[in-house]
Amino acid sequence: LSLLVIMSQDSPSHTSTFTPFRDVFCGLLSGLTTSGALQPIDKALYLGIQHHRPLFDARNWHKPYHAMGQTLIYRALSNAVYFPLEQWLREYSNSDAIGGMSAGAVSSAVLN
């Protein structure tokens, strides 16, 4: 544990400056990317649970990108809020852990 603390203190991420536009853009881009990549898996998992079927049942994988709009918007917004907030709180608190946990709590309270 002490090794992790020492390594996090030497991390170059503490020397970066807060750039809201870049962080929001990167958050939006990562939200769009993860939405596109994970949508088929999310949908198959949901359908498998809802209809009591195995995950790899072909019926769970039919039209994997159908009704993707809500997921796309939510993940893009969630990441666009989280990443700038996490960067700012990490620099403010001087702690990666506190910054990440605080950003997660604030972004979930705002978006849910």
Protein backbone atom coordinates (compact mmCIF):
# COMPACT_ATOMS: atom_id res chain seq x y z
CA LEU A 1 0.00 0.00 0.00
CA SER A 2 2.80 2.43 0.85
CA LEU A 3 4.37 1.72 -2.55
CA LEU A 4 1.14 2.80 -4.27
CA VAL A 5 1.06 6.02 -2.25
CA ILE A 6 4.66 6.79 -3.15
CA MET A 7 4.04 6.05 -6.83
CA SER A 8 0.92 8.24 -6.92
CA GLN A 9 2.81 11.15 -5.38
CA ASP A 10 5.45 10.96 -8.12
CA SER A 11 2.82 10.78 -10.84
CA PRO A 12 3.19 13.47 -13.54
CA SER A 13 -0.61 13.91 -13.62
CA HIS A 14 -0.38 16.35 -10.71
CA THR A 15 1.57 18.81 -12.83
CA SER A 16 -1.10 19.21 -15.52
CA THR A 17 -3.26 22.29 -15.71
CA PHE A 18 -7.03 22.27 -15.68
CA THR A 19 -8.39 22.74 -19.23
CA PRO A 20 -12.20 22.48 -19.16
CA PHE A 21 -12.80 22.51 -22.92
CA ARG A 22 -10.31 19.74 -23.59
CA ASP A 23 -11.60 17.66 -20.68
CA VAL A 24 -15.26 18.05 -21.73
CA PHE A 25 -14.38 17.18 -25.32
CA CYS A 26 -12.41 14.11 -24.22
CA GLY A 27 -15.27 13.09 -21.94
CA LEU A 28 -17.80 13.40 -24.76
CA LEU A 29 -15.56 11.46 -27.11
CA SER A 30 -14.96 8.67 -24.59
CA GLY A 31 -18.69 8.50 -23.83
CA LEU A 32 -19.56 8.16 -27.49
CA THR A 33 -16.84 5.55 -28.00
CA THR A 34 -17.82 3.40 -25.04
CA SER A 35 -21.50 3.66 -25.98
CA GLY A 36 -20.80 2.36 -29.44
CA ALA A 37 -18.49 -0.38 -28.25
CA LEU A 38 -20.56 -1.63 -25.32
CA GLN A 39 -24.12 -1.21 -26.62
CA PRO A 40 -24.43 -4.74 -28.07
CA ILE A 41 -23.13 -6.31 -24.86
CA ASP A 42 -25.34 -4.14 -22.63
CA LYS A 43 -28.41 -4.93 -24.69
CA ALA A 44 -27.72 -8.67 -24.80
CA LEU A 45 -27.10 -8.73 -21.06
CA TYR A 46 -30.32 -6.82 -20.37
CA LEU A 47 -32.41 -9.04 -22.64
CA GLY A 48 -30.86 -12.18 -21.19
CA ILE A 49 -31.75 -11.14 -17.65
CA GLN A 50 -35.21 -9.86 -18.55
CA HIS A 51 -36.21 -12.99 -20.50
CA HIS A 52 -34.23 -15.53 -18.40
CA ARG A 53 -32.04 -16.59 -21.32
CA PRO A 54 -28.31 -17.33 -21.54
CA LEU A 55 -26.16 -14.37 -22.57
CA PHE A 56 -25.08 -15.89 -25.89
CA ASP A 57 -28.60 -16.82 -27.03
CA ALA A 58 -28.98 -15.49 -30.60
CA ARG A 59 -32.23 -13.71 -29.70
CA ASN A 60 -30.32 -11.43 -27.30
CA TRP A 61 -28.03 -10.27 -30.11
CA HIS A 62 -30.71 -9.41 -32.70
CA LYS A 63 -30.43 -5.71 -33.76
CA PRO A 64 -27.70 -4.82 -31.26
CA TYR A 65 -27.76 -1.08 -31.99
CA HIS A 66 -31.55 -0.65 -31.92
CA ALA A 67 -32.67 2.15 -29.51
CA MET A 68 -29.14 3.36 -28.83
CA GLY A 69 -29.98 7.08 -28.59
CA GLN A 70 -30.67 7.28 -24.86
CA THR A 71 -27.55 5.30 -23.98
CA LEU A 72 -25.43 7.42 -26.31
CA ILE A 73 -26.65 10.69 -24.81
CA TYR A 74 -26.39 9.54 -21.18
CA ARG A 75 -22.88 8.10 -21.46
CA ALA A 76 -21.62 11.11 -23.39
CA LEU A 77 -23.06 13.51 -20.79
CA SER A 78 -21.89 11.39 -17.88
CA ASN A 79 -18.30 11.30 -19.14
CA ALA A 80 -18.37 14.97 -20.18
CA VAL A 81 -19.29 15.90 -16.59
CA TYR A 82 -17.06 13.37 -14.84
CA PHE A 83 -13.68 13.96 -16.50
CA PRO A 84 -13.38 17.75 -16.06
CA LEU A 85 -14.78 17.49 -12.55
CA GLU A 86 -12.36 14.70 -11.67
CA GLN A 87 -9.41 16.66 -13.03
CA TRP A 88 -10.37 19.79 -11.11
CA LEU A 89 -11.09 17.95 -7.84
CA ARG A 90 -7.89 15.93 -8.17
CA GLU A 91 -5.83 19.12 -8.50
CA TYR A 92 -7.82 20.84 -5.74
CA SER A 93 -7.44 17.98 -3.24
CA ASN A 94 -3.96 16.87 -4.38
CA SER A 95 -5.21 13.27 -4.28
CA ASP A 96 -6.18 10.97 -7.14
CA ALA A 97 -8.44 8.88 -4.89
CA ILE A 98 -10.32 11.80 -3.34
CA GLY A 99 -10.64 13.53 -6.71
CA GLY A 100 -12.03 10.43 -8.41
CA MET A 101 -14.44 9.49 -5.64
CA SER A 102 -15.69 13.05 -5.26
CA ALA A 103 -16.20 13.46 -9.00
CA GLY A 104 -18.12 10.18 -9.13
CA ALA A 105 -20.37 11.21 -6.26
CA VAL A 106 -21.07 14.68 -7.67
CA SER A 107 -21.65 13.53 -11.25
CA SER A 108 -24.01 10.75 -10.14
CA ALA A 109 -25.94 13.19 -7.95
CA VAL A 110 -26.23 15.67 -10.82
CA LEU A 111 -27.18 13.17 -13.53
CA ASN A 112 -29.41 10.82 -11.56
